[in-house]
Amino acid sequence: MTVDLVRESALAGQVVLWEESARDGAQAKTLMSADFRVWLAREHGRVFGARGPRHVVFAAGFPAVCAEEYRAVRRVALEAGESVSVAAVCRGLPDDLRQAYAAVRDGAHSRVLAVLPASDPMARVMVHQDARTALRAAADLVREARGWDEAVALDVCLADASRADRGLLAHAAVELTAAGASTVLLADTVGVLLPEPAGALFAEVGQRVAGEGVVLGAHLHNDLGLGLANTLAALDAGVRVAAGSWLGLAERAGMAATEQLLFLLTRHWPELLGAPPWSSDPQLTRLPLLARLVAEHTGAPFGVTTPIVGTGVGSISTGTPFVAPELFQPFDPGAVLGIEPSVVLTQLANTRVVAAVAGRLGHRLTDAQTRAATAWVKSRAFRTGRAVVDEAAFAGYLEGLTAPIEERVR
């Protein structure tokens, strides 16, 4: 029987990231091509080197959407399965499950995730039953599906778990695991949890299922801006499978950003987990490029204030940070992420900043010239209405400022 690396890692206390940018990210009105999904899955896995399949589940898509989506998922399973564990996502219906199995069959580390309703309101909408009846039927279906292909792991996600009965969640998790489910993800589908209740949810369900072999996962949305905090609370409660998405791409307001989770767990695991989340540190220097290319491919927002990987990381525009940047940064962006520091001209620049940029452009200014150039930069910013002064324009100004007098008269 094929070894389930994800379950094995989680049971050993190591963290598995469930990557949703290609699947839940589509509900953020984005579309990743099949080529890009394959590339992203491979590159995400390479962050962890050879241990990618142990630490990354790449949700490749929802095969039931259309033929093109099915083919995209299948390509990821066949072409990226050596780099990550690849999952096809589906509803907990027999036909959908069979289609999802077919989409990932023959991949190296293939999985299927079935989404099941956990609350009565969600169950009535999804399957026109109460939640207890729906989950009982789902356990029977999981038991049947596990016999279809032993090489494909089967996971389940309990939708609207944040508003479901805790006893029912625990009972379903035990029953589904006994039927053959590898992991049971609890979803805050509508993003209503606060961090303390989020931690309490996973702690209570975790206590109820202790000793039953259940591997719990967290899939938490960001509607109140707390997706990352709630995910960290779930990890603090003992969860070791955590869903995220590059740049936080997911339905509505998204979910925890993968690059932030990776960074925080790698750099701050003593405070957050108490034990290392992985057997070897991931390559954080890959994060800025991956995040930027996801933004370019999907059109997702990516800017100055994007945490960890944004264009503002490592940039300096004012005097005191220029003199002592370590006092204004929580980490060294060059050493940790490979982001080289950059000095940017804005209306806030002082003479030291202006002289540094001028030097980079090949001009050594006198004190008087530096003061003149600083005044020009500030004036230029306000004339154009843009904080960042174009360096090409500044270079042109410097050519005139530093040219010999006879050249300026000509």
Protein backbone atom coordinates (compact mmCIF):
# COMPACT_ATOMS: atom_id res chain seq x y z
CA MET A 1 0.00 0.00 0.00
CA THR A 2 1.27 3.50 -0.86
CA VAL A 3 2.64 5.48 2.09
CA ASP A 4 0.51 8.56 2.86
CA LEU A 5 3.27 11.15 3.34
CA VAL A 6 0.88 13.90 4.39
CA ARG A 7 -0.74 11.89 7.15
CA GLU A 8 2.64 10.55 8.23
CA SER A 9 4.10 14.07 8.48
CA ALA A 10 1.14 15.45 10.43
CA LEU A 11 1.16 12.56 12.89
CA ALA A 12 4.87 13.17 13.42
CA GLY A 13 4.08 16.76 14.45
CA GLN A 14 5.31 18.39 11.25
CA VAL A 15 3.29 21.00 9.38
CA VAL A 16 1.67 20.38 6.00
CA LEU A 17 0.59 23.42 3.97
CA TRP A 18 -2.57 22.91 1.93
CA GLU A 19 -2.13 25.27 -1.02
CA GLU A 20 -5.37 26.73 -2.40
CA SER A 21 -4.32 29.45 -4.89
CA ALA A 22 -5.26 27.39 -7.95
CA ARG A 23 -8.55 26.08 -6.52
CA ASP A 24 -10.11 28.37 -3.91
CA GLY A 25 -8.18 31.18 -5.59
CA ALA A 26 -10.41 30.77 -8.64
CA GLN A 27 -13.28 32.02 -6.48
CA ALA A 28 -11.33 35.25 -6.12
CA LYS A 29 -12.07 35.72 -9.84
CA THR A 30 -8.68 34.51 -10.99
CA LEU A 31 -7.74 31.75 -13.43
CA MET A 32 -4.44 29.92 -13.52
CA SER A 33 -3.54 28.22 -16.78
CA ALA A 34 -2.60 24.56 -16.70
CA ASP A 35 1.00 25.47 -17.52
CA PHE A 36 1.18 27.91 -14.62
CA ARG A 37 -0.41 25.46 -12.18
CA VAL A 38 2.22 22.87 -13.07
CA TRP A 39 5.01 25.43 -12.71
CA LEU A 40 3.70 26.80 -9.41
CA ALA A 41 3.20 23.34 -7.92
CA ARG A 42 6.75 22.34 -8.82
CA GLU A 43 8.26 25.58 -7.54
CA HIS A 44 6.24 25.45 -4.33
CA GLY A 45 7.50 21.94 -3.72
CA ARG A 46 11.09 23.00 -4.39
CA VAL A 47 10.85 25.43 -1.49
CA PHE A 48 11.11 22.25 0.60
CA GLY A 49 13.49 20.40 -1.70
CA ALA A 50 13.00 16.63 -1.86
CA ARG A 51 10.50 16.79 1.02
CA GLY A 52 7.96 18.81 -0.95
CA PRO A 53 5.33 16.01 -1.09
CA ARG A 54 5.50 15.73 2.71
CA HIS A 55 4.89 19.40 3.38
CA VAL A 56 2.77 20.71 0.49
CA VAL A 57 -0.62 19.58 -0.76
CA PHE A 58 -1.33 21.49 -3.95
CA ALA A 59 -5.08 21.69 -4.57
CA ALA A 60 -4.90 21.65 -8.35
CA GLY A 61 -8.54 22.46 -9.05
CA PHE A 62 -12.15 21.29 -9.15
CA PRO A 63 -12.44 18.79 -12.05
CA ALA A 64 -16.24 18.97 -12.20
CA VAL A 65 -16.13 22.63 -13.33
CA CYS A 66 -15.53 21.79 -17.00
CA ALA A 67 -13.40 19.67 -19.33
CA GLU A 68 -10.62 22.25 -19.38
CA GLU A 69 -10.45 22.29 -15.57
CA TYR A 70 -10.35 18.50 -15.48
CA ARG A 71 -7.44 18.46 -17.93
CA ALA A 72 -5.58 21.12 -15.94
CA VAL A 73 -5.90 19.12 -12.73
CA ARG A 74 -4.77 15.96 -14.49
CA ARG A 75 -1.70 17.69 -15.88
CA VAL A 76 -0.67 18.88 -12.44
CA ALA A 77 -1.12 15.38 -11.02
CA LEU A 78 0.96 13.76 -13.76
CA GLU A 79 3.64 16.44 -14.14
CA ALA A 80 4.11 17.86 -10.62
CA GLY A 81 3.42 14.85 -8.41
CA GLU A 82 7.09 14.30 -7.66
CA SER A 83 7.35 17.83 -6.22
CA VAL A 84 4.16 18.06 -4.13
CA SER A 85 1.16 16.00 -3.14
CA VAL A 86 -1.54 16.91 -5.67
CA ALA A 87 -5.23 17.04 -4.76
CA ALA A 88 -8.38 17.20 -6.84
CA VAL A 89 -11.29 18.83 -4.98
CA CYS A 90 -14.90 17.73 -5.37
CA ARG A 91 -18.29 17.53 -3.74
CA GLY A 92 -19.03 14.47 -1.64
CA LEU A 93 -21.10 12.83 -4.38
CA PRO A 94 -20.32 9.48 -6.01
CA ASP A 95 -19.99 10.81 -9.57
CA ASP A 96 -17.87 13.77 -8.47
CA LEU A 97 -15.61 11.51 -6.43
CA ARG A 98 -15.08 9.12 -9.34
CA GLN A 99 -14.25 12.03 -11.63
CA ALA A 100 -11.78 13.45 -9.09
CA TYR A 101 -10.10 10.06 -8.70
CA ALA A 102 -9.78 9.79 -12.46
CA ALA A 103 -8.23 13.26 -12.65
CA VAL A 104 -5.33 12.44 -10.32
CA ARG A 105 -4.95 8.69 -10.95
CA ASP A 106 -1.37 7.58 -11.75
CA GLY A 107 0.16 10.70 -10.21
CA ALA A 108 3.07 10.18 -7.83
CA HIS A 109 1.43 11.55 -4.65
CA SER A 110 -2.23 11.94 -5.53
CA ARG A 111 -5.14 12.87 -3.30
CA VAL A 112 -8.84 13.71 -3.51
CA LEU A 113 -10.56 16.17 -1.17
CA ALA A 114 -14.33 15.78 -0.76
CA VAL A 115 -16.20 18.80 0.62
CA LEU A 116 -19.00 17.80 3.03
CA PRO A 117 -21.53 19.94 4.93
CA ALA A 118 -21.00 20.14 8.70
CA SER A 119 -23.85 22.44 9.76
CA ASP A 120 -27.55 21.92 9.20
CA PRO A 121 -27.98 25.13 7.13
CA MET A 122 -25.07 24.14 4.89
CA ALA A 123 -26.33 20.57 4.56
CA ARG A 124 -29.78 21.71 3.54
CA VAL A 125 -28.28 23.85 0.78
CA MET A 126 -25.69 21.32 -0.42
CA VAL A 127 -27.51 17.97 -0.16
CA HIS A 128 -31.05 18.75 1.08
CA GLN A 129 -30.56 16.78 4.30
CA ASP A 130 -29.61 17.55 7.88
CA ALA A 131 -25.90 17.47 8.67
CA ARG A 132 -25.95 14.25 10.72
CA THR A 133 -27.65 12.31 7.92
CA ALA A 134 -25.33 13.78 5.29
CA LEU A 135 -22.19 12.94 7.26
CA ARG A 136 -23.34 9.40 7.96
CA ALA A 137 -23.87 8.86 4.23
CA ALA A 138 -20.49 10.47 3.53
CA ALA A 139 -18.73 7.94 5.77
CA ASP A 140 -20.27 5.12 3.75
CA LEU A 141 -19.13 6.78 0.53
CA VAL A 142 -15.60 7.26 1.86
CA ARG A 143 -15.47 3.59 2.82
CA GLU A 144 -16.53 2.63 -0.69
CA ALA A 145 -14.21 5.09 -2.44
CA ARG A 146 -11.13 3.89 -0.57
CA GLY A 147 -11.46 0.65 -2.49
CA TRP A 148 -11.33 2.35 -5.89
CA ASP A 149 -7.62 3.11 -5.88
CA GLU A 150 -5.41 2.52 -2.85
CA ALA A 151 -2.69 4.74 -4.32
CA VAL A 152 -4.95 7.82 -4.05
CA ALA A 153 -5.42 9.26 -0.54
CA LEU A 154 -8.87 10.60 0.34
CA ASP A 155 -9.32 13.68 2.52
CA VAL A 156 -12.52 15.42 3.61
CA CYS A 157 -13.32 19.05 4.37
CA LEU A 158 -16.23 19.80 6.70
CA ALA A 159 -17.78 23.01 5.39
CA ASP A 160 -19.17 25.56 7.85
CA ALA A 161 -17.55 23.74 10.76
CA SER A 162 -17.28 27.03 12.65
CA ARG A 163 -21.09 27.08 13.04
CA ALA A 164 -21.58 23.33 13.49
CA ASP A 165 -22.20 21.29 16.63
CA ARG A 166 -18.82 20.39 18.17
CA GLY A 167 -19.98 16.94 19.21
CA LEU A 168 -21.14 16.21 15.68
CA LEU A 169 -17.83 17.43 14.26
CA ALA A 170 -15.86 15.12 16.52
CA HIS A 171 -18.14 12.14 15.87
CA ALA A 172 -17.96 12.70 12.11
CA ALA A 173 -14.18 13.10 12.19
CA VAL A 174 -13.79 9.76 13.98
CA GLU A 175 -16.28 7.99 11.72
CA LEU A 176 -14.78 9.41 8.52
CA THR A 177 -11.24 8.53 9.63
CA ALA A 178 -12.33 4.98 10.48
CA ALA A 179 -13.88 4.77 7.01
CA GLY A 180 -10.53 5.65 5.43
CA ALA A 181 -10.24 9.46 5.35
CA SER A 182 -6.63 10.58 5.67
CA THR A 183 -7.23 14.08 7.04
CA VAL A 184 -10.32 15.95 8.19
CA LEU A 185 -10.19 19.68 7.49
CA LEU A 186 -12.51 21.92 9.49
CA ALA A 187 -13.52 24.97 7.47
CA ASP A 188 -14.55 28.39 8.67
CA THR A 189 -16.30 28.72 5.34
CA VAL A 190 -17.63 32.21 5.91
CA GLY A 191 -14.70 33.59 7.92
CA VAL A 192 -16.64 34.48 11.07
CA LEU A 193 -14.20 33.21 13.71
CA LEU A 194 -12.01 35.31 15.97
CA PRO A 195 -8.62 33.89 17.02
CA GLU A 196 -9.59 32.74 20.53
CA PRO A 197 -12.76 30.92 19.41
CA ALA A 198 -10.82 29.47 16.47
CA GLY A 199 -8.25 28.00 18.82
CA ALA A 200 -11.01 26.75 21.12
CA LEU A 201 -12.80 25.01 18.23
CA PHE A 202 -9.74 22.99 17.26
CA ALA A 203 -8.71 22.34 20.85
CA GLU A 204 -12.16 20.99 21.78
CA VAL A 205 -12.57 18.83 18.69
CA GLY A 206 -8.97 17.66 19.06
CA GLN A 207 -9.60 16.57 22.66
CA ARG A 208 -12.76 14.74 21.69
CA VAL A 209 -11.02 12.73 18.96
CA ALA A 210 -7.79 12.06 20.87
CA GLY A 211 -6.59 8.51 20.46
CA GLU A 212 -8.79 7.85 17.42
CA GLY A 213 -6.12 8.46 14.76
CA VAL A 214 -7.81 11.60 13.44
CA VAL A 215 -5.61 14.14 11.64
CA LEU A 216 -7.30 17.54 11.79
CA GLY A 217 -6.66 20.35 9.34
CA ALA A 218 -7.70 24.00 9.22
CA HIS A 219 -9.23 25.82 6.24
CA LEU A 220 -10.03 29.31 7.52
CA HIS A 221 -11.27 32.29 5.55
CA ASN A 222 -10.32 35.92 5.96
CA ASP A 223 -13.61 37.83 5.83
CA LEU A 224 -12.85 39.67 9.08
CA GLY A 225 -9.16 40.02 8.25
CA LEU A 226 -8.27 37.26 10.74
CA GLY A 227 -7.53 34.28 8.49
CA LEU A 228 -3.83 34.25 9.34
CA ALA A 229 -4.38 34.82 13.07
CA ASN A 230 -7.04 32.09 13.17
CA THR A 231 -4.78 29.66 11.33
CA LEU A 232 -1.97 30.32 13.82
CA ALA A 233 -4.48 29.73 16.64
CA ALA A 234 -5.42 26.38 15.09
CA LEU A 235 -1.75 25.43 14.85
CA ASP A 236 -1.27 26.44 18.47
CA ALA A 237 -4.14 24.08 19.34
CA GLY A 238 -2.24 21.18 17.76
CA VAL A 239 -3.44 21.21 14.14
CA ARG A 240 -0.68 20.31 11.68
CA VAL A 241 -2.44 20.64 8.31
CA ALA A 242 -3.08 24.29 7.49
CA ALA A 243 -4.64 25.73 4.34
CA GLY A 244 -3.28 28.88 2.77
CA SER A 245 -3.02 30.51 -0.62
CA TRP A 246 -0.36 32.57 -2.36
CA LEU A 247 -1.17 36.25 -1.71
CA GLY A 248 -4.19 35.05 0.26
CA LEU A 249 -6.19 34.37 -2.94
CA ALA A 250 -9.50 32.67 -2.13
CA GLU A 251 -13.22 33.29 -2.10
CA ARG A 252 -14.37 36.78 -1.05
CA ALA A 253 -11.67 38.27 1.23
CA GLY A 254 -9.39 35.26 0.83
CA MET A 255 -7.53 33.27 3.46
CA ALA A 256 -4.11 33.13 5.10
CA ALA A 257 -1.32 34.02 2.67
CA THR A 258 1.03 31.10 2.01
CA GLU A 259 4.12 33.28 1.97
CA GLN A 260 3.24 34.70 5.38
CA LEU A 261 2.55 31.27 6.89
CA LEU A 262 5.79 29.89 5.50
CA PHE A 263 7.80 32.82 6.77
CA LEU A 264 6.27 32.91 10.24
CA LEU A 265 6.46 29.18 10.87
CA THR A 266 10.05 29.03 9.68
CA ARG A 267 11.32 32.09 11.55
CA HIS A 268 9.07 32.09 14.63
CA TRP A 269 8.28 28.45 15.34
CA PRO A 270 9.56 28.60 18.94
CA GLU A 271 6.86 31.13 19.87
CA LEU A 272 4.15 29.67 17.63
CA LEU A 273 4.63 25.91 17.82
CA GLY A 274 7.28 25.07 20.39
CA ALA A 275 8.89 22.58 18.00
CA PRO A 276 10.28 22.84 14.45
CA PRO A 277 7.52 22.54 11.81
CA TRP A 278 9.76 20.84 9.25
CA SER A 279 12.78 18.55 9.32
CA SER A 280 14.79 21.12 7.34
CA ASP A 281 14.15 24.81 6.74
CA PRO A 282 12.39 25.78 3.51
CA GLN A 283 14.14 28.13 1.07
CA LEU A 284 12.55 31.46 1.96
CA THR A 285 14.52 33.24 -0.77
CA ARG A 286 12.10 31.67 -3.28
CA LEU A 287 9.07 33.42 -1.78
CA PRO A 288 9.35 36.91 -3.35
CA LEU A 289 9.62 35.59 -6.91
CA LEU A 290 6.79 33.08 -6.51
CA ALA A 291 4.46 35.68 -4.99
CA ARG A 292 5.28 38.25 -7.66
CA LEU A 293 4.68 35.79 -10.52
CA VAL A 294 1.37 34.66 -8.99
CA ALA A 295 0.36 38.33 -8.90
CA GLU A 296 1.42 38.87 -12.51
CA HIS A 297 -0.33 35.74 -13.78
CA THR A 298 -3.61 36.27 -11.91
CA GLY A 299 -3.76 40.06 -11.74
CA ALA A 300 -3.98 39.89 -7.95
CA PRO A 301 -2.99 43.01 -5.99
CA PHE A 302 0.71 43.16 -5.14
CA GLY A 303 2.21 46.35 -3.85
CA VAL A 304 4.24 48.32 -1.37
CA THR A 305 2.43 47.07 1.73
CA THR A 306 2.08 43.39 0.84
CA PRO A 307 3.64 41.73 3.93
CA ILE A 308 6.87 39.71 3.60
CA VAL A 309 7.15 39.91 -0.20
CA GLY A 310 5.84 43.36 -1.19
CA THR A 311 7.80 46.03 -3.02
CA GLY A 312 8.17 48.03 0.19
CA VAL A 313 10.20 45.28 1.87
CA GLY A 314 13.80 46.44 1.95
CA SER A 315 13.09 49.87 0.45
CA ILE A 316 14.29 53.04 2.19
CA SER A 317 13.19 56.60 1.46
CA THR A 318 13.90 58.60 4.59
CA GLY A 319 16.98 59.62 6.50
CA THR A 320 17.02 57.70 9.80
CA PRO A 321 16.17 54.31 8.23
CA PHE A 322 18.90 55.03 5.67
CA VAL A 323 21.48 55.50 8.44
CA ALA A 324 20.31 52.57 10.62
CA PRO A 325 17.99 50.29 8.63
CA GLU A 326 18.21 47.48 11.19
CA LEU A 327 16.26 49.65 13.64
CA PHE A 328 13.29 49.81 11.26
CA GLN A 329 13.11 46.21 9.99
CA PRO A 330 11.91 43.08 11.81
CA PHE A 331 14.39 41.00 9.79
CA ASP A 332 17.16 41.46 7.27
CA PRO A 333 15.35 41.17 3.90
CA GLY A 334 18.59 40.50 2.04
CA ALA A 335 19.81 37.71 4.28
CA VAL A 336 16.42 36.07 4.84
CA LEU A 337 14.54 36.58 1.57
CA GLY A 338 17.23 37.57 -0.90
CA ILE A 339 15.63 41.01 -1.32
CA GLU A 340 18.41 43.52 -1.77
CA PRO A 341 17.81 46.87 -0.05
CA SER A 342 16.90 49.74 -2.33
CA VAL A 343 16.94 53.48 -1.77
CA VAL A 344 13.93 55.23 -3.33
CA LEU A 345 13.50 58.96 -3.91
CA THR A 346 10.31 60.48 -2.51
CA GLN A 347 9.24 63.83 -1.06
CA LEU A 348 10.54 62.53 2.30
CA ALA A 349 14.14 62.16 1.11
CA ASN A 350 16.88 64.01 2.97
CA THR A 351 20.28 65.01 1.64
CA ARG A 352 21.88 61.66 2.56
CA VAL A 353 19.30 59.72 0.59
CA VAL A 354 19.58 62.05 -2.40
CA ALA A 355 23.41 61.87 -2.36
CA ALA A 356 23.28 58.07 -2.23
CA VAL A 357 20.97 57.81 -5.23
CA ALA A 358 23.05 60.36 -7.13
CA GLY A 359 26.16 58.29 -6.37
CA ARG A 360 24.47 55.17 -7.69
CA LEU A 361 23.74 57.09 -10.89
CA GLY A 362 27.40 58.10 -11.21
CA HIS A 363 27.35 61.62 -9.77
CA ARG A 364 29.37 62.88 -6.83
CA LEU A 365 27.64 66.02 -5.60
CA THR A 366 28.97 68.94 -3.62
CA ASP A 367 27.04 70.00 -0.52
CA ALA A 368 25.43 72.83 -2.45
CA GLN A 369 24.46 70.52 -5.31
CA THR A 370 23.05 68.00 -2.86
CA ARG A 371 20.84 70.65 -1.28
CA ALA A 372 19.68 71.80 -4.72
CA ALA A 373 18.97 68.23 -5.81
CA THR A 374 17.03 67.54 -2.61
CA ALA A 375 14.86 70.59 -3.19
CA TRP A 376 14.28 69.47 -6.79
CA VAL A 377 13.19 65.98 -5.67
CA LYS A 378 10.65 67.32 -3.19
CA SER A 379 9.30 69.83 -5.68
CA ARG A 380 9.10 67.19 -8.42
CA ALA A 381 7.07 64.84 -6.19
CA PHE A 382 4.49 67.52 -5.43
CA ARG A 383 4.37 68.79 -9.05
CA THR A 384 3.63 65.32 -10.39
CA GLY A 385 1.44 64.25 -7.50
CA ARG A 386 3.44 61.02 -7.15
CA ALA A 387 5.58 60.21 -4.13
CA VAL A 388 8.24 58.19 -5.98
CA VAL A 389 10.40 60.36 -8.22
CA ASP A 390 11.33 58.76 -11.52
CA GLU A 391 15.06 58.01 -11.52
CA ALA A 392 15.38 58.67 -15.24
CA ALA A 393 14.06 62.20 -14.68
CA PHE A 394 16.39 62.63 -11.72
CA ALA A 395 19.34 61.43 -13.81
CA GLY A 396 18.47 64.02 -16.45
CA TYR A 397 18.33 66.73 -13.80
CA LEU A 398 21.73 65.65 -12.44
CA GLU A 399 23.31 65.80 -15.89
CA GLY A 400 22.39 69.47 -16.07
CA LEU A 401 23.29 70.15 -12.44
CA THR A 402 26.79 68.68 -12.64
CA ALA A 403 27.70 69.66 -16.21
CA PRO A 404 30.54 72.20 -16.60
CA ILE A 405 29.35 75.82 -16.82
CA GLU A 406 30.24 76.16 -20.50
CA GLU A 407 28.10 73.13 -21.33
CA ARG A 408 25.16 74.53 -19.39
CA VAL A 409 25.46 77.87 -21.24
CA ARG A 410 25.52 76.21 -24.66
